[in-house]
Every structure is written in C-alpha cells, then in structure tokens.
Amino acid sequence: ESILELGCGLALASLVSHRRGALVT
C-alpha cells in the first residue's frame, strides 16, 4: 500500500507509519 501525507508539518503520522514498514511519502 502506498501512503501520502498531506501538509505533514512535523510528519508524526508518516514517521509512525514508516517505522511500521509502510511505504510513505
């Protein structure tokens, strides 16, 4: 699954997802 975070700022959600192995932008 590919994930895009909009207006990430400090990108907490992206960091959590990335740490879990998700494919994040």
PDB file of all heavy atoms in Angstrom:
ATOM      1  N   GLU A   1       0.830  -1.198   0.000  1.00  0.00           N
ATOM      2  CA  GLU A   1       0.000   0.000   0.000  1.00  0.00           C
ATOM      3  C   GLU A   1       0.872   1.257   0.000  1.00  0.00           C
ATOM      4  O   GLU A   1       1.806   1.388   0.783  1.00  0.00           O
ATOM      5  CB  GLU A   1      -0.898  -0.010   1.233  1.00  0.00           C
ATOM      6  CG  GLU A   1      -1.797   1.204   1.365  1.00  0.00           C
ATOM      7  CD  GLU A   1      -2.629   1.145   2.636  1.00  0.00           C
ATOM      8  OE1 GLU A   1      -2.037   0.999   3.731  1.00  0.00           O
ATOM      9  OE2 GLU A   1      -3.860   1.225   2.542  1.00  0.00           O
ATOM     10  N   SER A   2       0.542   2.210  -0.854  1.00  0.00           N
ATOM     11  CA  SER A   2       1.271   3.481  -0.908  1.00  0.00           C
ATOM     12  C   SER A   2       0.467   4.544  -0.166  1.00  0.00           C
ATOM     13  O   SER A   2      -0.744   4.657  -0.325  1.00  0.00           O
ATOM     14  CB  SER A   2       1.499   3.907  -2.360  1.00  0.00           C
ATOM     15  OG  SER A   2       0.267   4.007  -3.055  1.00  0.00           O
ATOM     16  N   ILE A   3       1.174   5.332   0.662  1.00  0.00           N
ATOM     17  CA  ILE A   3       0.536   6.321   1.527  1.00  0.00           C
ATOM     18  C   ILE A   3       1.140   7.694   1.253  1.00  0.00           C
ATOM     19  O   ILE A   3       2.362   7.841   1.141  1.00  0.00           O
ATOM     20  CB  ILE A   3       0.732   5.960   3.005  1.00  0.00           C
ATOM     21  CG1 ILE A   3       0.178   4.564   3.300  1.00  0.00           C
ATOM     22  CG2 ILE A   3       0.069   6.993   3.915  1.00  0.00           C
ATOM     23  CD1 ILE A   3       0.491   4.067   4.703  1.00  0.00           C
ATOM     24  N   LEU A   4       0.289   8.706   1.176  1.00  0.00           N
ATOM     25  CA  LEU A   4       0.716  10.097   1.031  1.00  0.00           C
ATOM     26  C   LEU A   4       0.159  10.887   2.200  1.00  0.00           C
ATOM     27  O   LEU A   4      -1.042  10.860   2.456  1.00  0.00           O
ATOM     28  CB  LEU A   4       0.200  10.688  -0.284  1.00  0.00           C
ATOM     29  CG  LEU A   4       0.383  12.204  -0.458  1.00  0.00           C
ATOM     30  CD1 LEU A   4       1.861  12.562  -0.589  1.00  0.00           C
ATOM     31  CD2 LEU A   4      -0.400  12.707  -1.684  1.00  0.00           C
ATOM     32  N   GLU A   5       1.037  11.611   2.921  1.00  0.00           N
ATOM     33  CA  GLU A   5       0.553  12.533   3.945  1.00  0.00           C
ATOM     34  C   GLU A   5       0.561  13.945   3.395  1.00  0.00           C
ATOM     35  O   GLU A   5       1.585  14.443   2.921  1.00  0.00           O
ATOM     36  CB  GLU A   5       1.379  12.473   5.230  1.00  0.00           C
ATOM     37  CG  GLU A   5       0.800  13.403   6.287  1.00  0.00           C
ATOM     38  CD  GLU A   5       1.452  13.341   7.654  1.00  0.00           C
ATOM     39  OE1 GLU A   5       2.464  12.614   7.804  1.00  0.00           O
ATOM     40  OE2 GLU A   5       0.952  14.030   8.571  1.00  0.00           O
ATOM     41  N   LEU A   6      -0.580  14.619   3.484  1.00  0.00           N
ATOM     42  CA  LEU A   6      -0.738  15.998   3.040  1.00  0.00           C
ATOM     43  C   LEU A   6      -0.368  16.958   4.161  1.00  0.00           C
ATOM     44  O   LEU A   6      -0.708  16.713   5.322  1.00  0.00           O
ATOM     45  CB  LEU A   6      -2.199  16.251   2.651  1.00  0.00           C
ATOM     46  CG  LEU A   6      -2.817  15.369   1.580  1.00  0.00           C
ATOM     47  CD1 LEU A   6      -4.322  15.609   1.521  1.00  0.00           C
ATOM     48  CD2 LEU A   6      -2.174  15.638   0.229  1.00  0.00           C
ATOM     49  N   GLY A   7       0.292  18.061   3.822  1.00  0.00           N
ATOM     50  CA  GLY A   7       0.595  19.080   4.818  1.00  0.00           C
ATOM     51  C   GLY A   7       1.186  18.491   6.070  1.00  0.00           C
ATOM     52  O   GLY A   7       0.729  18.765   7.181  1.00  0.00           O
ATOM     53  N   CYS A   8       2.241  17.713   5.922  1.00  0.00           N
ATOM     54  CA  CYS A   8       2.707  16.851   7.007  1.00  0.00           C
ATOM     55  C   CYS A   8       3.249  17.613   8.207  1.00  0.00           C
ATOM     56  O   CYS A   8       3.229  17.100   9.321  1.00  0.00           O
ATOM     57  CB  CYS A   8       3.753  15.868   6.487  1.00  0.00           C
ATOM     58  SG  CYS A   8       5.325  16.632   5.979  1.00  0.00           S
ATOM     59  N   GLY A   9       3.772  18.844   8.030  1.00  0.00           N
ATOM     60  CA  GLY A   9       4.377  19.534   9.155  1.00  0.00           C
ATOM     61  C   GLY A   9       5.528  18.726   9.724  1.00  0.00           C
ATOM     62  O   GLY A   9       6.481  18.393   9.012  1.00  0.00           O
ATOM     63  N   LEU A  10       5.444  18.348  10.991  1.00  0.00           N
ATOM     64  CA  LEU A  10       6.473  17.520  11.615  1.00  0.00           C
ATOM     65  C   LEU A  10       6.301  16.042  11.303  1.00  0.00           C
ATOM     66  O   LEU A  10       7.108  15.210  11.736  1.00  0.00           O
ATOM     67  CB  LEU A  10       6.474  17.741  13.133  1.00  0.00           C
ATOM     68  CG  LEU A  10       6.929  19.140  13.565  1.00  0.00           C
ATOM     69  CD1 LEU A  10       6.752  19.302  15.071  1.00  0.00           C
ATOM     70  CD2 LEU A  10       8.370  19.410  13.164  1.00  0.00           C
ATOM     71  N   ALA A  11       5.252  15.683  10.580  1.00  0.00           N
ATOM     72  CA  ALA A  11       5.100  14.350   9.970  1.00  0.00           C
ATOM     73  C   ALA A  11       5.054  13.212  10.985  1.00  0.00           C
ATOM     74  O   ALA A  11       5.588  12.140  10.738  1.00  0.00           O
ATOM     75  CB  ALA A  11       6.218  14.107   8.949  1.00  0.00           C
ATOM     76  N   LEU A  12       4.374  13.422  12.103  1.00  0.00           N
ATOM     77  CA  LEU A  12       4.288  12.357  13.104  1.00  0.00           C
ATOM     78  C   LEU A  12       3.646  11.101  12.535  1.00  0.00           C
ATOM     79  O   LEU A  12       4.126   9.984  12.759  1.00  0.00           O
ATOM     80  CB  LEU A  12       3.496  12.840  14.320  1.00  0.00           C
ATOM     81  CG  LEU A  12       4.044  14.043  15.083  1.00  0.00           C
ATOM     82  CD1 LEU A  12       3.168  14.325  16.291  1.00  0.00           C
ATOM     83  CD2 LEU A  12       5.482  13.829  15.487  1.00  0.00           C
ATOM     84  N   ALA A  13       2.548  11.260  11.801  1.00  0.00           N
ATOM     85  CA  ALA A  13       1.846  10.096  11.241  1.00  0.00           C
ATOM     86  C   ALA A  13       2.718   9.370  10.225  1.00  0.00           C
ATOM     87  O   ALA A  13       2.729   8.140  10.166  1.00  0.00           O
ATOM     88  CB  ALA A  13       0.529  10.523  10.603  1.00  0.00           C
ATOM     89  N   SER A  14       3.466  10.120   9.431  1.00  0.00           N
ATOM     90  CA  SER A  14       4.367   9.491   8.460  1.00  0.00           C
ATOM     91  C   SER A  14       5.484   8.739   9.168  1.00  0.00           C
ATOM     92  O   SER A  14       5.862   7.631   8.772  1.00  0.00           O
ATOM     93  CB  SER A  14       4.964  10.546   7.526  1.00  0.00           C
ATOM     94  OG  SER A  14       3.998  11.035   6.614  1.00  0.00           O
ATOM     95  N   LEU A  15       6.037   9.325  10.221  1.00  0.00           N
ATOM     96  CA  LEU A  15       7.104   8.666  10.971  1.00  0.00           C
ATOM     97  C   LEU A  15       6.615   7.369  11.611  1.00  0.00           C
ATOM     98  O   LEU A  15       7.301   6.343  11.566  1.00  0.00           O
ATOM     99  CB  LEU A  15       7.642   9.612  12.041  1.00  0.00           C
ATOM    100  CG  LEU A  15       8.479  10.795  11.543  1.00  0.00           C
ATOM    101  CD1 LEU A  15       8.672  11.822  12.647  1.00  0.00           C
ATOM    102  CD2 LEU A  15       9.829  10.327  10.998  1.00  0.00           C
ATOM    103  N   VAL A  16       5.419   7.401  12.196  1.00  0.00           N
ATOM    104  CA  VAL A  16       4.853   6.190  12.802  1.00  0.00           C
ATOM    105  C   VAL A  16       4.632   5.112  11.748  1.00  0.00           C
ATOM    106  O   VAL A  16       4.981   3.945  11.940  1.00  0.00           O
ATOM    107  CB  VAL A  16       3.536   6.523  13.530  1.00  0.00           C
ATOM    108  CG1 VAL A  16       2.777   5.259  13.892  1.00  0.00           C
ATOM    109  CG2 VAL A  16       3.816   7.342  14.782  1.00  0.00           C
ATOM    110  N   SER A  17       4.053   5.499  10.614  1.00  0.00           N
ATOM    111  CA  SER A  17       3.789   4.533   9.542  1.00  0.00           C
ATOM    112  C   SER A  17       5.085   3.981   8.967  1.00  0.00           C
ATOM    113  O   SER A  17       5.208   2.778   8.708  1.00  0.00           O
ATOM    114  CB  SER A  17       2.962   5.199   8.442  1.00  0.00           C
ATOM    115  OG  SER A  17       1.738   5.705   8.952  1.00  0.00           O
ATOM    116  N   HIS A  18       6.058   4.849   8.755  1.00  0.00           N
ATOM    117  CA  HIS A  18       7.362   4.450   8.221  1.00  0.00           C
ATOM    118  C   HIS A  18       8.054   3.467   9.170  1.00  0.00           C
ATOM    119  O   HIS A  18       8.633   2.460   8.727  1.00  0.00           O
ATOM    120  CB  HIS A  18       8.206   5.699   8.019  1.00  0.00           C
ATOM    121  CG  HIS A  18       9.562   5.450   7.450  1.00  0.00           C
ATOM    122  ND1 HIS A  18       9.781   4.841   6.237  1.00  0.00           N
ATOM    123  CD2 HIS A  18      10.801   5.753   7.952  1.00  0.00           C
ATOM    124  CE1 HIS A  18      11.078   4.775   5.999  1.00  0.00           C
ATOM    125  NE2 HIS A  18      11.712   5.321   7.020  1.00  0.00           N
ATOM    126  N   ARG A  19       7.982   3.751  10.452  1.00  0.00           N
ATOM    127  CA  ARG A  19       8.597   2.864  11.440  1.00  0.00           C
ATOM    128  C   ARG A  19       7.941   1.488  11.437  1.00  0.00           C
ATOM    129  O   ARG A  19       8.593   0.482  11.721  1.00  0.00           O
ATOM    130  CB  ARG A  19       8.500   3.501  12.830  1.00  0.00           C
ATOM    131  CG  ARG A  19       9.220   2.724  13.926  1.00  0.00           C
ATOM    132  CD  ARG A  19       9.341   3.533  15.194  1.00  0.00           C
ATOM    133  NE  ARG A  19       8.051   3.936  15.728  1.00  0.00           N
ATOM    134  CZ  ARG A  19       7.902   4.722  16.797  1.00  0.00           C
ATOM    135  NH1 ARG A  19       8.966   5.195  17.431  1.00  0.00           N
ATOM    136  NH2 ARG A  19       6.708   5.048  17.227  1.00  0.00           N
ATOM    137  N   ARG A  20       6.663   1.426  11.053  1.00  0.00           N
ATOM    138  CA  ARG A  20       5.940   0.150  10.988  1.00  0.00           C
ATOM    139  C   ARG A  20       6.168  -0.584   9.665  1.00  0.00           C
ATOM    140  O   ARG A  20       5.655  -1.680   9.479  1.00  0.00           O
ATOM    141  CB  ARG A  20       4.452   0.382  11.205  1.00  0.00           C
ATOM    142  CG  ARG A  20       4.094   0.966  12.565  1.00  0.00           C
ATOM    143  CD  ARG A  20       2.594   1.112  12.694  1.00  0.00           C
ATOM    144  NE  ARG A  20       1.961  -0.214  12.692  1.00  0.00           N
ATOM    145  CZ  ARG A  20       0.693  -0.412  12.321  1.00  0.00           C
ATOM    146  NH1 ARG A  20      -0.052   0.592  11.886  1.00  0.00           N
ATOM    147  NH2 ARG A  20       0.185  -1.627  12.352  1.00  0.00           N
ATOM    148  N   GLY A  21       6.898   0.029   8.743  1.00  0.00           N
ATOM    149  CA  GLY A  21       7.204  -0.637   7.488  1.00  0.00           C
ATOM    150  C   GLY A  21       6.343  -0.243   6.316  1.00  0.00           C
ATOM    151  O   GLY A  21       6.436  -0.856   5.251  1.00  0.00           O
ATOM    152  N   ALA A  22       5.507   0.780   6.489  1.00  0.00           N
ATOM    153  CA  ALA A  22       4.638   1.218   5.393  1.00  0.00           C
ATOM    154  C   ALA A  22       5.440   2.008   4.356  1.00  0.00           C
ATOM    155  O   ALA A  22       6.494   2.587   4.655  1.00  0.00           O
ATOM    156  CB  ALA A  22       3.489   2.069   5.927  1.00  0.00           C
ATOM    157  N   LEU A  23       4.920   2.062   3.142  1.00  0.00           N
ATOM    158  CA  LEU A  23       5.520   2.819   2.043  1.00  0.00           C
ATOM    159  C   LEU A  23       4.903   4.216   2.040  1.00  0.00           C
ATOM    160  O   LEU A  23       3.813   4.423   1.534  1.00  0.00           O
ATOM    161  CB  LEU A  23       5.272   2.102   0.713  1.00  0.00           C
ATOM    162  CG  LEU A  23       5.831   2.759  -0.551  1.00  0.00           C
ATOM    163  CD1 LEU A  23       7.349   2.845  -0.475  1.00  0.00           C
ATOM    164  CD2 LEU A  23       5.391   1.984  -1.788  1.00  0.00           C
ATOM    165  N   VAL A  24       5.624   5.181   2.611  1.00  0.00           N
ATOM    166  CA  VAL A  24       5.062   6.502   2.883  1.00  0.00           C
ATOM    167  C   VAL A  24       5.793   7.581   2.105  1.00  0.00           C
ATOM    168  O   VAL A  24       7.021   7.562   1.977  1.00  0.00           O
ATOM    169  CB  VAL A  24       5.152   6.838   4.387  1.00  0.00           C
ATOM    170  CG1 VAL A  24       4.407   8.132   4.702  1.00  0.00           C
ATOM    171  CG2 VAL A  24       4.606   5.697   5.232  1.00  0.00           C
ATOM    172  N   THR A  25       5.027   8.556   1.609  1.00  0.00           N
ATOM    173  CA  THR A  25       5.565   9.808   1.091  1.00  0.00           C
ATOM    174  C   THR A  25       4.988  10.934   1.922  1.00  0.00           C
ATOM    175  O   THR A  25       3.770  11.102   1.979  1.00  0.00           O
ATOM    176  CB  THR A  25       5.194  10.023  -0.386  1.00  0.00           C
ATOM    177  OG1 THR A  25       5.746   8.969  -1.176  1.00  0.00           O
ATOM    178  CG2 THR A  25       5.720  11.363  -0.887  1.00  0.00           C
TER     179      THR A  25
END
